[in-house]
C-alpha cells in the first residue's frame, strides 16, 4: 500500500472508529495529521497480521494499545489543530 493510500485508509478507519470526530478527521489536511492517520493504519495492519498468524498474543495486545493511544492522540489533536507535530511532543 502506498503512503497516500495508507494515510487515507487510516483516515477512513479512524472516522469509523471515532464517529464523534468524523467531520474534523475527514477535513484534516495538515501534514502531521496525515502522519497520524498513516501511523494508525500501519499499527492496525501489523496487529491484524499478527492476529491472523495466531501467535504472540502479547505483541497483538501491544499493537492494540498502540492503536488506542493513536486514537486518543487524534482526538486531542483535532481539538488543537494548529500545533505542528503534536503527536511527537512528549
C-alpha atoms as a PDB file:
ATOM      1  CA  UNK A   1       0.000   0.000   0.000  1.00  0.00           C
ATOM      2  CA  UNK A   2       1.405   3.387  -0.924  1.00  0.00           C
ATOM      3  CA  UNK A   3       1.898   6.087   1.657  1.00  0.00           C
ATOM      4  CA  UNK A   4      -1.017   8.221   0.432  1.00  0.00           C
ATOM      5  CA  UNK A   5      -3.291   5.161   0.286  1.00  0.00           C
ATOM      6  CA  UNK A   6      -2.250   4.192   3.805  1.00  0.00           C
ATOM      7  CA  UNK A   7      -2.988   7.721   5.050  1.00  0.00           C
ATOM      8  CA  UNK A   8      -6.458   7.697   3.502  1.00  0.00           C
ATOM      9  CA  UNK A   9      -7.156   4.180   4.771  1.00  0.00           C
ATOM     10  CA  UNK A  10      -6.132   5.299   8.256  1.00  0.00           C
ATOM     11  CA  UNK A  11      -8.312   8.404   7.948  1.00  0.00           C
ATOM     12  CA  UNK A  12     -11.362   6.333   6.961  1.00  0.00           C
ATOM     13  CA  UNK A  13     -10.704   3.738   9.641  1.00  0.00           C
ATOM     14  CA  UNK A  14     -10.380   6.435  12.318  1.00  0.00           C
ATOM     15  CA  UNK A  15     -13.532   8.181  11.084  1.00  0.00           C
ATOM     16  CA  UNK A  16     -15.428   4.920  11.545  1.00  0.00           C
ATOM     17  CA  UNK A  17     -13.789   4.168  14.885  1.00  0.00           C
ATOM     18  CA  UNK A  18     -14.391   7.715  16.209  1.00  0.00           C
ATOM     19  CA  UNK A  19     -17.761   8.771  14.756  1.00  0.00           C
ATOM     20  CA  UNK A  20     -17.962  11.831  17.028  1.00  0.00           C
ATOM     21  CA  UNK A  21     -14.745  13.077  15.354  1.00  0.00           C
ATOM     22  CA  UNK A  22     -15.689  12.115  11.800  1.00  0.00           C
ATOM     23  CA  UNK A  23     -16.038  15.641  10.387  1.00  0.00           C
ATOM     24  CA  UNK A  24     -12.701  17.026  11.635  1.00  0.00           C
ATOM     25  CA  UNK A  25     -10.927  13.799  10.672  1.00  0.00           C
ATOM     26  CA  UNK A  26     -12.296  13.909   7.138  1.00  0.00           C
ATOM     27  CA  UNK A  27     -11.436  17.628   6.816  1.00  0.00           C
ATOM     28  CA  UNK A  28      -7.892  17.307   8.210  1.00  0.00           C
ATOM     29  CA  UNK A  29      -5.176  18.378   5.761  1.00  0.00           C
ATOM     30  CA  UNK A  30      -2.140  19.233   7.893  1.00  0.00           C
ATOM     31  CA  UNK A  31       0.883  17.000   7.228  1.00  0.00           C
ATOM     32  CA  UNK A  32       1.165  16.000  10.895  1.00  0.00           C
ATOM     33  CA  UNK A  33      -2.499  14.946  10.928  1.00  0.00           C
ATOM     34  CA  UNK A  34      -1.930  12.828   7.836  1.00  0.00           C
ATOM     35  CA  UNK A  35       1.063  11.240   9.565  1.00  0.00           C
ATOM     36  CA  UNK A  36      -1.181  10.266  12.473  1.00  0.00           C
ATOM     37  CA  UNK A  37      -3.599   8.612  10.053  1.00  0.00           C
ATOM     38  CA  UNK A  38      -0.743   6.731   8.397  1.00  0.00           C
ATOM     39  CA  UNK A  39       0.695   5.611  11.739  1.00  0.00           C
ATOM     40  CA  UNK A  40      -2.722   4.335  12.771  1.00  0.00           C
ATOM     41  CA  UNK A  41      -3.151   2.344   9.582  1.00  0.00           C
ATOM     42  CA  UNK A  42       0.322   0.848   9.920  1.00  0.00           C
ATOM     43  CA  UNK A  43      -0.375  -0.204  13.521  1.00  0.00           C
ATOM     44  CA  UNK A  44      -3.707  -1.766  12.534  1.00  0.00           C
ATOM     45  CA  UNK A  45      -2.115  -3.644   9.632  1.00  0.00           C
ATOM     46  CA  UNK A  46       0.661  -5.013  11.856  1.00  0.00           C
ATOM     47  CA  UNK A  47      -1.793  -6.018  14.585  1.00  0.00           C
ATOM     48  CA  UNK A  48      -4.082  -7.755  12.118  1.00  0.00           C
ATOM     49  CA  UNK A  49      -1.179  -9.673  10.517  1.00  0.00           C
ATOM     50  CA  UNK A  50      -0.074 -10.926  13.922  1.00  0.00           C
ATOM     51  CA  UNK A  51      -3.632 -11.804  14.902  1.00  0.00           C
ATOM     52  CA  UNK A  52      -4.139 -13.844  11.704  1.00  0.00           C
ATOM     53  CA  UNK A  53      -0.976 -15.819  12.404  1.00  0.00           C
ATOM     54  CA  UNK A  54      -2.353 -16.712  15.812  1.00  0.00           C
ATOM     55  CA  UNK A  55       0.790 -16.364  17.842  1.00  0.00           C
ATOM     56  CA  UNK A  56       2.467 -13.842  20.111  1.00  0.00           C
ATOM     57  CA  UNK A  57      -0.688 -12.561  21.759  1.00  0.00           C
ATOM     58  CA  UNK A  58       1.409 -10.220  23.896  1.00  0.00           C
ATOM     59  CA  UNK A  59       2.546  -8.383  20.764  1.00  0.00           C
ATOM     60  CA  UNK A  60      -1.046  -8.263  19.474  1.00  0.00           C
ATOM     61  CA  UNK A  61      -2.081  -6.613  22.763  1.00  0.00           C
ATOM     62  CA  UNK A  62       0.776  -4.110  22.433  1.00  0.00           C
ATOM     63  CA  UNK A  63      -0.427  -3.138  18.953  1.00  0.00           C
ATOM     64  CA  UNK A  64      -3.989  -2.863  20.301  1.00  0.00           C
ATOM     65  CA  UNK A  65      -2.683  -0.451  22.941  1.00  0.00           C
ATOM     66  CA  UNK A  66      -0.781   1.495  20.289  1.00  0.00           C
ATOM     67  CA  UNK A  67      -3.963   1.838  18.224  1.00  0.00           C
ATOM     68  CA  UNK A  68      -5.880   3.142  21.244  1.00  0.00           C
ATOM     69  CA  UNK A  69      -3.082   5.611  22.034  1.00  0.00           C
ATOM     70  CA  UNK A  70      -3.107   6.922  18.460  1.00  0.00           C
ATOM     71  CA  UNK A  71      -6.904   7.250  18.612  1.00  0.00           C
ATOM     72  CA  UNK A  72      -6.507   9.396  21.726  1.00  0.00           C
ATOM     73  CA  UNK A  73      -3.813  11.499  20.027  1.00  0.00           C
ATOM     74  CA  UNK A  74      -6.184  12.059  17.110  1.00  0.00           C
ATOM     75  CA  UNK A  75      -8.971  13.154  19.460  1.00  0.00           C
ATOM     76  CA  UNK A  76      -6.609  15.541  21.253  1.00  0.00           C
ATOM     77  CA  UNK A  77      -5.050  16.792  18.009  1.00  0.00           C
ATOM     78  CA  UNK A  78      -8.394  17.563  16.388  1.00  0.00           C
ATOM     79  CA  UNK A  79      -9.064  19.929  19.288  1.00  0.00           C
ATOM     80  CA  UNK A  80      -5.705  21.685  18.785  1.00  0.00           C
ATOM     81  CA  UNK A  81      -5.128  21.631  15.006  1.00  0.00           C
ATOM     82  CA  UNK A  82      -2.630  24.484  14.995  1.00  0.00           C
ATOM     83  CA  UNK A  83       0.060  22.557  16.863  1.00  0.00           C
ATOM     84  CA  UNK A  84       2.602  21.116  14.462  1.00  0.00           C
ATOM     85  CA  UNK A  85       3.952  17.663  15.219  1.00  0.00           C
ATOM     86  CA  UNK A  86       1.574  17.428  18.167  1.00  0.00           C
ATOM     87  CA  UNK A  87       1.783  13.664  18.372  1.00  0.00           C
ATOM     88  CA  UNK A  88       5.575  13.758  18.608  1.00  0.00           C
ATOM     89  CA  UNK A  89       5.638  16.057  21.632  1.00  0.00           C
ATOM     90  CA  UNK A  90       6.126  14.052  24.865  1.00  0.00           C
END
